[in-house]
Amino acid sequence: IIKEQDTKVPNAAIFTVNKEDHTLGNMIR
């Protein structure tokens, strides 16, 4: 899981997680 630090687009980090693990993404959603 790659965590990108971006204050302008905080969703980018969540998008990366969702791309790596769909189950984890669903839990966050």
Protein backbone atom coordinates (compact mmCIF):
# COMPACT_ATOMS: atom_id res chain seq x y z
CA ILE A 1 0.00 0.00 0.00
CA ILE A 2 1.48 3.33 -1.07
CA LYS A 3 0.42 6.37 0.94
CA GLU A 4 0.80 9.62 -0.95
CA GLN A 5 0.96 12.76 1.16
CA ASP A 6 -1.11 15.38 -0.63
CA THR A 7 -2.98 18.05 1.35
CA LYS A 8 -4.69 19.26 -1.84
CA VAL A 9 -6.08 15.82 -2.66
CA PRO A 10 -6.51 13.70 0.50
CA ASN A 11 -8.68 11.29 -1.48
CA ALA A 12 -5.58 10.24 -3.45
CA ALA A 13 -4.36 8.20 -0.47
CA ILE A 14 -7.73 6.46 -0.14
CA PHE A 15 -7.82 5.83 -3.89
CA THR A 16 -4.40 4.17 -3.72
CA VAL A 17 -5.54 1.92 -0.86
CA ASN A 18 -8.73 1.01 -2.72
CA LYS A 19 -6.70 0.15 -5.80
CA GLU A 20 -4.42 -2.15 -3.77
CA ASP A 21 -7.11 -3.74 -1.61
CA HIS A 22 -10.79 -3.49 -2.54
CA THR A 23 -11.95 -4.94 0.79
CA LEU A 24 -10.05 -2.29 2.76
CA GLY A 25 -11.46 0.40 0.48
CA ASN A 26 -15.00 -0.76 1.16
CA MET A 27 -14.40 -0.58 4.92
CA ILE A 28 -13.19 3.03 4.63
CA ARG A 29 -16.17 3.91 2.45
